Protein backbone atom coordinates (compact mmCIF):
# COMPACT_ATOMS: atom_id res chain seq x y z
CA MET A 1 110.09 20.62 141.28
CA THR A 2 112.00 19.74 138.12
CA GLY A 3 111.40 19.82 134.43
CA MET A 4 108.70 21.92 132.76
CA PRO A 5 106.87 22.97 135.97
CA ALA A 6 110.14 24.41 137.34
CA PHE A 7 110.72 26.29 134.07
CA ARG A 8 107.18 27.70 134.12
CA ALA A 9 107.57 28.81 137.74
CA THR A 10 110.86 30.48 137.00
CA LEU A 11 109.50 32.19 133.90
CA TYR A 12 106.51 33.44 135.82
CA ASN A 13 108.62 34.77 138.72
CA VAL A 14 111.18 36.46 136.47
CA LEU A 15 109.02 37.88 133.67
CA MET A 16 105.36 37.77 134.30
CA LYS A 17 104.94 38.58 138.00
CA ARG A 18 105.24 42.36 137.48
CA ASN A 19 103.44 44.05 134.60
CA SER A 20 106.27 46.50 133.90
CA VAL A 21 108.82 43.73 133.50
CA TYR A 22 106.40 41.72 131.34
CA VAL A 23 105.65 44.61 128.97
CA THR A 24 109.38 45.49 128.72
CA ALA A 25 110.20 41.89 127.86
CA CYS A 26 107.45 41.81 125.20
CA VAL A 27 108.67 45.08 123.60
CA LEU A 28 112.32 43.98 123.64
CA GLY A 29 111.45 40.50 122.39
CA SER A 30 109.44 41.88 119.47
CA TYR A 31 112.29 44.30 118.59
CA VAL A 32 114.86 41.46 118.58
CA ALA A 33 112.51 39.14 116.59
CA THR A 34 111.81 41.86 114.01
CA ASN A 35 115.51 42.62 113.49
CA ALA A 36 116.31 38.89 113.22
CA TYR A 37 113.52 38.36 110.69
CA LEU A 38 114.56 41.35 108.54
CA SER A 39 118.24 40.39 108.64
CA GLY A 40 117.37 36.81 107.60
CA THR A 41 115.10 37.80 104.74
CA ASP A 42 117.63 40.37 103.49
CA SER A 43 120.40 37.82 103.44
CA ILE A 44 118.16 35.33 101.57
CA TRP A 45 117.18 38.04 99.08
CA LYS A 46 120.80 39.03 98.53
CA SER A 47 121.88 35.39 97.97
CA ILE A 48 119.08 34.78 95.49
CA ASN A 49 119.77 38.01 93.55
CA LYS A 50 123.53 37.92 93.65
CA GLY A 51 125.02 40.06 90.89
CA LYS A 52 121.75 41.86 90.13
CA SER A 53 121.78 44.69 92.64
CA TRP A 54 122.51 48.25 91.54
CA GLU A 55 125.71 48.40 93.58
CA GLU A 56 127.10 45.33 91.85
CA VAL A 57 125.94 46.29 88.34
CA GLN A 58 127.21 49.86 88.75
CA ALA A 59 130.68 48.58 89.46
CA THR A 60 130.79 46.82 86.06
CA LEU A 61 129.64 49.87 84.02
CA PRO A 62 132.22 52.20 82.39
CA PRO A 63 132.73 55.49 84.13
CA LYS A 64 130.42 58.29 83.08
CA GLU A 65 131.99 60.88 80.79
CA ASP A 66 131.56 64.56 81.51
CA GLU A 67 129.47 66.36 78.96
CA ASP A 68 130.69 69.68 77.62
CA ASP A 69 128.03 72.19 76.57
CA ASP A 70 129.84 74.63 74.33
């Protein structure tokens, strides 16, 4: 058996044969996919809004003077 049928058989034997392994793979896969999606969207957001975030704007502001209440 070669090609796609071999891949399907291997996938079934490794991940889907036992329910505990299948559920663990689903949970870990969703965790990895969520982190990859959030990281990608954050990097896109930061590249579009370069120079507009508070951390970058705060660095260009003059230092705050202490107020004396006499």
